[in-house]
Amino acid sequence: MPFESTIKRAERVLELVRQHYEPGRQDRCLKWVWRTKVRPELGLSYVGFQAILHRNNFYVNERRPKPTAEQLAEIERRQTKLEIWEE
């Protein structure tokens, strides 16, 4: 069983990631969150940061946002365009 301080640190890391991480934006990636928010506040290494995210299933639950209707339409348009190009 982890120490209470470890649990609090993991909760704080997840809170910072939820506040500042924006999927799809390279300037607000996980490494940016770690470098500018987590490391200065908690002094946590990048490997430790990734371990906390992995243990809390962050990559499975929050990293893959569901596409919107507009995004699905754009994907469909591109696939149709590619099929026409291949003919």
PDB file of N, CA and C in Angstrom:
ATOM      1  N   MET A   1       0.847  -1.176   0.000  1.00  0.00           N
ATOM      2  CA  MET A   1       0.000   0.000   0.000  1.00  0.00           C
ATOM      3  C   MET A   1       0.894   1.243   0.000  1.00  0.00           C
ATOM      4  N   PRO A   2       0.645   2.156  -0.943  1.00  0.00           N
ATOM      5  CA  PRO A   2       1.490   3.347  -1.023  1.00  0.00           C
ATOM      6  C   PRO A   2       1.259   4.298   0.152  1.00  0.00           C
ATOM      7  N   PHE A   3       2.271   5.111   0.397  1.00  0.00           N
ATOM      8  CA  PHE A   3       2.155   6.124   1.434  1.00  0.00           C
ATOM      9  C   PHE A   3       1.107   7.163   1.044  1.00  0.00           C
ATOM     10  N   GLU A   4       0.564   7.843   2.035  1.00  0.00           N
ATOM     11  CA  GLU A   4      -0.445   8.873   1.795  1.00  0.00           C
ATOM     12  C   GLU A   4       0.130  10.010   0.944  1.00  0.00           C
ATOM     13  N   SER A   5       1.394  10.348   1.172  1.00  0.00           N
ATOM     14  CA  SER A   5       2.021  11.425   0.391  1.00  0.00           C
ATOM     15  C   SER A   5       2.136  11.045  -1.081  1.00  0.00           C
ATOM     16  N   THR A   6       2.384   9.774  -1.360  1.00  0.00           N
ATOM     17  CA  THR A   6       2.468   9.304  -2.747  1.00  0.00           C
ATOM     18  C   THR A   6       1.113   9.427  -3.433  1.00  0.00           C
ATOM     19  N   ILE A   7       0.063   9.094  -2.718  1.00  0.00           N
ATOM     20  CA  ILE A   7      -1.289   9.198  -3.264  1.00  0.00           C
ATOM     21  C   ILE A   7      -1.636  10.659  -3.537  1.00  0.00           C
ATOM     22  N   LYS A   8      -1.291  11.547  -2.610  1.00  0.00           N
ATOM     23  CA  LYS A   8      -1.569  12.968  -2.803  1.00  0.00           C
ATOM     24  C   LYS A   8      -0.783  13.536  -3.983  1.00  0.00           C
ATOM     25  N   ARG A   9       0.465  13.108  -4.129  1.00  0.00           N
ATOM     26  CA  ARG A   9       1.282  13.577  -5.247  1.00  0.00           C
ATOM     27  C   ARG A   9       0.678  13.110  -6.577  1.00  0.00           C
ATOM     28  N   ALA A  10       0.233  11.860  -6.644  1.00  0.00           N
ATOM     29  CA  ALA A  10      -0.397  11.343  -7.861  1.00  0.00           C
ATOM     30  C   ALA A  10      -1.678  12.099  -8.175  1.00  0.00           C
ATOM     31  N   GLU A  11      -2.464  12.400  -7.164  1.00  0.00           N
ATOM     32  CA  GLU A  11      -3.691  13.172  -7.378  1.00  0.00           C
ATOM     33  C   GLU A  11      -3.365  14.565  -7.915  1.00  0.00           C
ATOM     34  N   ARG A  12      -2.311  15.185  -7.394  1.00  0.00           N
ATOM     35  CA  ARG A  12      -1.926  16.514  -7.852  1.00  0.00           C
ATOM     36  C   ARG A  12      -1.426  16.469  -9.300  1.00  0.00           C
ATOM     37  N   VAL A  13      -0.669  15.429  -9.645  1.00  0.00           N
ATOM     38  CA  VAL A  13      -0.190  15.273 -11.020  1.00  0.00           C
ATOM     39  C   VAL A  13      -1.367  15.142 -11.968  1.00  0.00           C
ATOM     40  N   LEU A  14      -2.327  14.301 -11.640  1.00  0.00           N
ATOM     41  CA  LEU A  14      -3.492  14.104 -12.499  1.00  0.00           C
ATOM     42  C   LEU A  14      -4.316  15.384 -12.613  1.00  0.00           C
ATOM     43  N   GLU A  15      -4.407  16.137 -11.538  1.00  0.00           N
ATOM     44  CA  GLU A  15      -5.129  17.410 -11.571  1.00  0.00           C
ATOM     45  C   GLU A  15      -4.441  18.401 -12.518  1.00  0.00           C
ATOM     46  N   LEU A  16      -3.109  18.495 -12.429  1.00  0.00           N
ATOM     47  CA  LEU A  16      -2.373  19.396 -13.314  1.00  0.00           C
ATOM     48  C   LEU A  16      -2.505  18.984 -14.774  1.00  0.00           C
ATOM     49  N   VAL A  17      -2.477  17.679 -15.031  1.00  0.00           N
ATOM     50  CA  VAL A  17      -2.617  17.199 -16.401  1.00  0.00           C
ATOM     51  C   VAL A  17      -4.011  17.520 -16.928  1.00  0.00           C
ATOM     52  N   ARG A  18      -5.028  17.305 -16.129  1.00  0.00           N
ATOM     53  CA  ARG A  18      -6.397  17.601 -16.574  1.00  0.00           C
ATOM     54  C   ARG A  18      -6.587  19.099 -16.843  1.00  0.00           C
ATOM     55  N   GLN A  19      -5.916  19.932 -16.091  1.00  0.00           N
ATOM     56  CA  GLN A  19      -6.043  21.379 -16.269  1.00  0.00           C
ATOM     57  C   GLN A  19      -5.311  21.888 -17.511  1.00  0.00           C
ATOM     58  N   HIS A  20      -4.143  21.331 -17.809  1.00  0.00           N
ATOM     59  CA  HIS A  20      -3.267  21.943 -18.803  1.00  0.00           C
ATOM     60  C   HIS A  20      -3.040  21.129 -20.071  1.00  0.00           C
ATOM     61  N   TYR A  21      -3.274  19.836 -20.061  1.00  0.00           N
ATOM     62  CA  TYR A  21      -3.030  19.002 -21.236  1.00  0.00           C
ATOM     63  C   TYR A  21      -4.166  19.163 -22.242  1.00  0.00           C
ATOM     64  N   GLU A  22      -3.807  19.360 -23.508  1.00  0.00           N
ATOM     65  CA  GLU A  22      -4.792  19.490 -24.578  1.00  0.00           C
ATOM     66  C   GLU A  22      -4.425  18.517 -25.689  1.00  0.00           C
ATOM     67  N   PRO A  23      -5.198  17.434 -25.838  1.00  0.00           N
ATOM     68  CA  PRO A  23      -4.886  16.459 -26.885  1.00  0.00           C
ATOM     69  C   PRO A  23      -4.917  17.112 -28.263  1.00  0.00           C
ATOM     70  N   GLY A  24      -3.976  16.742 -29.088  1.00  0.00           N
ATOM     71  CA  GLY A  24      -3.924  17.282 -30.435  1.00  0.00           C
ATOM     72  C   GLY A  24      -3.079  18.536 -30.573  1.00  0.00           C
ATOM     73  N   ARG A  25      -2.746  19.180 -29.488  1.00  0.00           N
ATOM     74  CA  ARG A  25      -1.897  20.378 -29.546  1.00  0.00           C
ATOM     75  C   ARG A  25      -0.482  20.012 -29.128  1.00  0.00           C
ATOM     76  N   GLN A  26       0.459  20.202 -30.018  1.00  0.00           N
ATOM     77  CA  GLN A  26       1.830  19.838 -29.709  1.00  0.00           C
ATOM     78  C   GLN A  26       2.459  20.782 -28.697  1.00  0.00           C
ATOM     79  N   ASP A  27       1.948  22.005 -28.606  1.00  0.00           N
ATOM     80  CA  ASP A  27       2.513  22.935 -27.631  1.00  0.00           C
ATOM     81  C   ASP A  27       1.894  22.764 -26.248  1.00  0.00           C
ATOM     82  N   ARG A  28       0.954  21.877 -26.088  1.00  0.00           N
ATOM     83  CA  ARG A  28       0.374  21.571 -24.776  1.00  0.00           C
ATOM     84  C   ARG A  28       0.354  20.057 -24.551  1.00  0.00           C
ATOM     85  N   CYS A  29       1.447  19.411 -24.949  1.00  0.00           N
ATOM     86  CA  CYS A  29       1.562  17.961 -24.820  1.00  0.00           C
ATOM     87  C   CYS A  29       1.884  17.581 -23.368  1.00  0.00           C
ATOM     88  N   LEU A  30       1.921  16.282 -23.112  1.00  0.00           N
ATOM     89  CA  LEU A  30       2.196  15.804 -21.752  1.00  0.00           C
ATOM     90  C   LEU A  30       3.585  16.223 -21.278  1.00  0.00           C
ATOM     91  N   LYS A  31       4.555  16.192 -22.184  1.00  0.00           N
ATOM     92  CA  LYS A  31       5.908  16.592 -21.775  1.00  0.00           C
ATOM     93  C   LYS A  31       5.948  18.064 -21.385  1.00  0.00           C
ATOM     94  N   TRP A  32       5.187  18.910 -22.078  1.00  0.00           N
ATOM     95  CA  TRP A  32       5.112  20.331 -21.727  1.00  0.00           C
ATOM     96  C   TRP A  32       4.499  20.493 -20.338  1.00  0.00           C
ATOM     97  N   VAL A  33       3.434  19.741 -20.060  1.00  0.00           N
ATOM     98  CA  VAL A  33       2.796  19.811 -18.740  1.00  0.00           C
ATOM     99  C   VAL A  33       3.801  19.406 -17.673  1.00  0.00           C
ATOM    100  N   TRP A  34       4.540  18.319 -17.935  1.00  0.00           N
ATOM    101  CA  TRP A  34       5.526  17.877 -16.956  1.00  0.00           C
ATOM    102  C   TRP A  34       6.605  18.941 -16.766  1.00  0.00           C
ATOM    103  N   ARG A  35       7.144  19.476 -17.892  1.00  0.00           N
ATOM    104  CA  ARG A  35       8.268  20.408 -17.822  1.00  0.00           C
ATOM    105  C   ARG A  35       7.888  21.728 -17.152  1.00  0.00           C
ATOM    106  N   THR A  36       6.694  22.247 -17.442  1.00  0.00           N
ATOM    107  CA  THR A  36       6.349  23.585 -16.959  1.00  0.00           C
ATOM    108  C   THR A  36       5.495  23.604 -15.702  1.00  0.00           C
ATOM    109  N   LYS A  37       4.790  22.523 -15.410  1.00  0.00           N
ATOM    110  CA  LYS A  37       3.869  22.519 -14.270  1.00  0.00           C
ATOM    111  C   LYS A  37       4.262  21.517 -13.184  1.00  0.00           C
ATOM    112  N   VAL A  38       4.497  20.276 -13.581  1.00  0.00           N
ATOM    113  CA  VAL A  38       4.725  19.212 -12.593  1.00  0.00           C
ATOM    114  C   VAL A  38       6.131  19.271 -12.004  1.00  0.00           C
ATOM    115  N   ARG A  39       7.145  19.337 -12.853  1.00  0.00           N
ATOM    116  CA  ARG A  39       8.522  19.312 -12.352  1.00  0.00           C
ATOM    117  C   ARG A  39       8.840  20.482 -11.426  1.00  0.00           C
ATOM    118  N   PRO A  40       8.452  21.726 -11.768  1.00  0.00           N
ATOM    119  CA  PRO A  40       8.762  22.825 -10.837  1.00  0.00           C
ATOM    120  C   PRO A  40       8.025  22.706  -9.503  1.00  0.00           C
ATOM    121  N   GLU A  41       6.796  22.211  -9.533  1.00  0.00           N
ATOM    122  CA  GLU A  41       6.014  22.143  -8.301  1.00  0.00           C
ATOM    123  C   GLU A  41       6.334  20.920  -7.448  1.00  0.00           C
ATOM    124  N   LEU A  42       6.498  19.760  -8.099  1.00  0.00           N
ATOM    125  CA  LEU A  42       6.652  18.515  -7.346  1.00  0.00           C
ATOM    126  C   LEU A  42       8.044  17.897  -7.430  1.00  0.00           C
ATOM    127  N   GLY A  43       8.878  18.367  -8.357  1.00  0.00           N
ATOM    128  CA  GLY A  43      10.225  17.814  -8.494  1.00  0.00           C
ATOM    129  C   GLY A  43      10.233  16.371  -8.950  1.00  0.00           C
ATOM    130  N   LEU A  44       9.273  15.997  -9.750  1.00  0.00           N
ATOM    131  CA  LEU A  44       9.092  14.615 -10.185  1.00  0.00           C
ATOM    132  C   LEU A  44       9.799  14.396 -11.517  1.00  0.00           C
ATOM    133  N   SER A  45      10.475  13.249 -11.669  1.00  0.00           N
ATOM    134  CA  SER A  45      11.126  12.944 -12.940  1.00  0.00           C
ATOM    135  C   SER A  45      10.085  12.610 -13.993  1.00  0.00           C
ATOM    136  N   TYR A  46      10.502  12.646 -15.260  1.00  0.00           N
ATOM    137  CA  TYR A  46       9.576  12.356 -16.353  1.00  0.00           C
ATOM    138  C   TYR A  46       9.126  10.901 -16.309  1.00  0.00           C
ATOM    139  N   VAL A  47      10.027  10.009 -15.946  1.00  0.00           N
ATOM    140  CA  VAL A  47       9.672   8.592 -15.838  1.00  0.00           C
ATOM    141  C   VAL A  47       8.647   8.384 -14.725  1.00  0.00           C
ATOM    142  N   GLY A  48       8.828   9.061 -13.603  1.00  0.00           N
ATOM    143  CA  GLY A  48       7.854   8.982 -12.512  1.00  0.00           C
ATOM    144  C   GLY A  48       6.508   9.557 -12.913  1.00  0.00           C
ATOM    145  N   PHE A  49       6.546  10.654 -13.681  1.00  0.00           N
ATOM    146  CA  PHE A  49       5.331  11.276 -14.198  1.00  0.00           C
ATOM    147  C   PHE A  49       4.577  10.307 -15.095  1.00  0.00           C
ATOM    148  N   GLN A  50       5.285   9.655 -16.015  1.00  0.00           N
ATOM    149  CA  GLN A  50       4.661   8.684 -16.903  1.00  0.00           C
ATOM    150  C   GLN A  50       4.126   7.491 -16.122  1.00  0.00           C
ATOM    151  N   ALA A  51       4.827   7.067 -15.087  1.00  0.00           N
ATOM    152  CA  ALA A  51       4.370   5.933 -14.282  1.00  0.00           C
ATOM    153  C   ALA A  51       3.046   6.251 -13.588  1.00  0.00           C
ATOM    154  N   ILE A  52       2.920   7.466 -13.084  1.00  0.00           N
ATOM    155  CA  ILE A  52       1.668   7.871 -12.436  1.00  0.00           C
ATOM    156  C   ILE A  52       0.529   7.860 -13.447  1.00  0.00           C
ATOM    157  N   LEU A  53       0.776   8.392 -14.640  1.00  0.00           N
ATOM    158  CA  LEU A  53      -0.263   8.394 -15.671  1.00  0.00           C
ATOM    159  C   LEU A  53      -0.636   6.975 -16.073  1.00  0.00           C
ATOM    160  N   HIS A  54       0.362   6.121 -16.215  1.00  0.00           N
ATOM    161  CA  HIS A  54       0.107   4.740 -16.615  1.00  0.00           C
ATOM    162  C   HIS A  54      -0.678   3.986 -15.537  1.00  0.00           C
ATOM    163  N   ARG A  55      -0.286   4.166 -14.286  1.00  0.00           N
ATOM    164  CA  ARG A  55      -0.974   3.481 -13.183  1.00  0.00           C
ATOM    165  C   ARG A  55      -2.427   3.895 -13.050  1.00  0.00           C
ATOM    166  N   ASN A  56      -2.731   5.113 -13.446  1.00  0.00           N
ATOM    167  CA  ASN A  56      -4.093   5.623 -13.324  1.00  0.00           C
ATOM    168  C   ASN A  56      -4.865   5.555 -14.640  1.00  0.00           C
ATOM    169  N   ASN A  57      -4.354   4.752 -15.582  1.00  0.00           N
ATOM    170  CA  ASN A  57      -5.016   4.525 -16.875  1.00  0.00           C
ATOM    171  C   ASN A  57      -5.314   5.822 -17.615  1.00  0.00           C
ATOM    172  N   PHE A  58      -4.476   6.817 -17.462  1.00  0.00           N
ATOM    173  CA  PHE A  58      -4.692   8.080 -18.164  1.00  0.00           C
ATOM    174  C   PHE A  58      -4.631   7.880 -19.670  1.00  0.00           C
ATOM    175  N   TYR A  59      -3.677   7.076 -20.114  1.00  0.00           N
ATOM    176  CA  TYR A  59      -3.501   6.895 -21.551  1.00  0.00           C
ATOM    177  C   TYR A  59      -4.709   6.221 -22.179  1.00  0.00           C
ATOM    178  N   VAL A  60      -5.368   5.337 -21.457  1.00  0.00           N
ATOM    179  CA  VAL A  60      -6.531   4.634 -21.994  1.00  0.00           C
ATOM    180  C   VAL A  60      -7.769   5.519 -21.955  1.00  0.00           C
ATOM    181  N   ASN A  61      -7.999   6.205 -20.853  1.00  0.00           N
ATOM    182  CA  ASN A  61      -9.247   6.930 -20.657  1.00  0.00           C
ATOM    183  C   ASN A  61      -9.284   8.316 -21.279  1.00  0.00           C
ATOM    184  N   GLU A  62      -8.200   9.065 -21.228  1.00  0.00           N
ATOM    185  CA  GLU A  62      -8.264  10.472 -21.586  1.00  0.00           C
ATOM    186  C   GLU A  62      -7.429  10.857 -22.786  1.00  0.00           C
ATOM    187  N   ARG A  63      -6.578  10.001 -23.249  1.00  0.00           N
ATOM    188  CA  ARG A  63      -5.676  10.387 -24.318  1.00  0.00           C
ATOM    189  C   ARG A  63      -6.335  10.296 -25.678  1.00  0.00           C
ATOM    190  N   ARG A  64      -7.353   9.475 -25.806  1.00  0.00           N
ATOM    191  CA  ARG A  64      -8.002   9.294 -27.085  1.00  0.00           C
ATOM    192  C   ARG A  64      -9.397   9.903 -27.062  1.00  0.00           C
ATOM    193  N   PRO A  65      -9.500  11.171 -27.406  1.00  0.00           N
ATOM    194  CA  PRO A  65     -10.826  11.782 -27.407  1.00  0.00           C
ATOM    195  C   PRO A  65     -11.681  11.217 -28.544  1.00  0.00           C
ATOM    196  N   LYS A  66     -12.981  11.144 -28.316  1.00  0.00           N
ATOM    197  CA  LYS A  66     -13.888  10.662 -29.350  1.00  0.00           C
ATOM    198  C   LYS A  66     -14.037  11.742 -30.413  1.00  0.00           C
ATOM    199  N   PRO A  67     -14.000  11.337 -31.683  1.00  0.00           N
ATOM    200  CA  PRO A  67     -14.118  12.339 -32.748  1.00  0.00           C
ATOM    201  C   PRO A  67     -15.522  12.941 -32.793  1.00  0.00           C
ATOM    202  N   THR A  68     -15.559  14.206 -33.136  1.00  0.00           N
ATOM    203  CA  THR A  68     -16.840  14.898 -33.267  1.00  0.00           C
ATOM    204  C   THR A  68     -17.452  14.555 -34.623  1.00  0.00           C
ATOM    205  N   ALA A  69     -18.692  14.974 -34.830  1.00  0.00           N
ATOM    206  CA  ALA A  69     -19.376  14.714 -36.094  1.00  0.00           C
ATOM    207  C   ALA A  69     -18.638  15.379 -37.254  1.00  0.00           C
ATOM    208  N   GLU A  70     -18.114  16.587 -37.025  1.00  0.00           N
ATOM    209  CA  GLU A  70     -17.374  17.282 -38.069  1.00  0.00           C
ATOM    210  C   GLU A  70     -16.091  16.532 -38.434  1.00  0.00           C
ATOM    211  N   GLN A  71     -15.408  16.005 -37.424  1.00  0.00           N
ATOM    212  CA  GLN A  71     -14.184  15.263 -37.674  1.00  0.00           C
ATOM    213  C   GLN A  71     -14.477  13.974 -38.431  1.00  0.00           C
ATOM    214  N   LEU A  72     -15.571  13.294 -38.067  1.00  0.00           N
ATOM    215  CA  LEU A  72     -15.951  12.073 -38.774  1.00  0.00           C
ATOM    216  C   LEU A  72     -16.298  12.372 -40.229  1.00  0.00           C
ATOM    217  N   ALA A  73     -16.991  13.487 -40.472  1.00  0.00           N
ATOM    218  CA  ALA A  73     -17.324  13.873 -41.840  1.00  0.00           C
ATOM    219  C   ALA A  73     -16.060  14.174 -42.642  1.00  0.00           C
ATOM    220  N   GLU A  74     -15.098  14.839 -42.022  1.00  0.00           N
ATOM    221  CA  GLU A  74     -13.834  15.151 -42.690  1.00  0.00           C
ATOM    222  C   GLU A  74     -13.067  13.872 -43.023  1.00  0.00           C
ATOM    223  N   ILE A  75     -13.059  12.926 -42.113  1.00  0.00           N
ATOM    224  CA  ILE A  75     -12.396  11.641 -42.369  1.00  0.00           C
ATOM    225  C   ILE A  75     -13.066  10.934 -43.539  1.00  0.00           C
ATOM    226  N   GLU A  76     -14.387  10.918 -43.544  1.00  0.00           N
ATOM    227  CA  GLU A  76     -15.131  10.296 -44.626  1.00  0.00           C
ATOM    228  C   GLU A  76     -14.830  10.984 -45.965  1.00  0.00           C
ATOM    229  N   ARG A  77     -14.764  12.308 -45.958  1.00  0.00           N
ATOM    230  CA  ARG A  77     -14.464  13.055 -47.178  1.00  0.00           C
ATOM    231  C   ARG A  77     -13.076  12.705 -47.694  1.00  0.00           C
ATOM    232  N   ARG A  78     -12.103  12.629 -46.802  1.00  0.00           N
ATOM    233  CA  ARG A  78     -10.739  12.299 -47.221  1.00  0.00           C
ATOM    234  C   ARG A  78     -10.646  10.885 -47.766  1.00  0.00           C
ATOM    235  N   GLN A  79     -11.344   9.935 -47.115  1.00  0.00           N
ATOM    236  CA  GLN A  79     -11.304   8.560 -47.594  1.00  0.00           C
ATOM    237  C   GLN A  79     -11.934   8.454 -48.979  1.00  0.00           C
ATOM    238  N   THR A  80     -13.035   9.166 -49.187  1.00  0.00           N
ATOM    239  CA  THR A  80     -13.681   9.167 -50.489  1.00  0.00           C
ATOM    240  C   THR A  80     -12.750   9.766 -51.533  1.00  0.00           C
ATOM    241  N   LYS A  81     -12.081  10.852 -51.177  1.00  0.00           N
ATOM    242  CA  LYS A  81     -11.157  11.510 -52.087  1.00  0.00           C
ATOM    243  C   LYS A  81     -10.013  10.566 -52.449  1.00  0.00           C
ATOM    244  N   LEU A  82      -9.507   9.801 -51.483  1.00  0.00           N
ATOM    245  CA  LEU A  82      -8.427   8.860 -51.744  1.00  0.00           C
ATOM    246  C   LEU A  82      -8.893   7.730 -52.648  1.00  0.00           C
ATOM    247  N   GLU A  83     -10.111   7.258 -52.445  1.00  0.00           N
ATOM    248  CA  GLU A  83     -10.626   6.184 -53.287  1.00  0.00           C
ATOM    249  C   GLU A  83     -10.753   6.664 -54.729  1.00  0.00           C
ATOM    250  N   ILE A  84     -11.185   7.892 -54.932  1.00  0.00           N
ATOM    251  CA  ILE A  84     -11.302   8.441 -56.279  1.00  0.00           C
ATOM    252  C   ILE A  84      -9.921   8.572 -56.899  1.00  0.00           C
ATOM    253  N   TRP A  85      -8.957   8.980 -56.092  1.00  0.00           N
ATOM    254  CA  TRP A  85      -7.593   9.172 -56.590  1.00  0.00           C
ATOM    255  C   TRP A  85      -6.987   7.848 -57.040  1.00  0.00           C
ATOM    256  N   GLU A  86      -7.287   6.759 -56.309  1.00  0.00           N
ATOM    257  CA  GLU A  86      -6.710   5.458 -56.621  1.00  0.00           C
ATOM    258  C   GLU A  86      -7.263   4.857 -57.908  1.00  0.00           C
ATOM    259  N   GLU A  87      -8.435   5.295 -58.362  1.00  0.00           N
ATOM    260  CA  GLU A  87      -9.050   4.706 -59.554  1.00  0.00           C
ATOM    261  C   GLU A  87      -8.320   4.992 -60.794  1.00  0.00           C
TER     262      GLU A  87
END
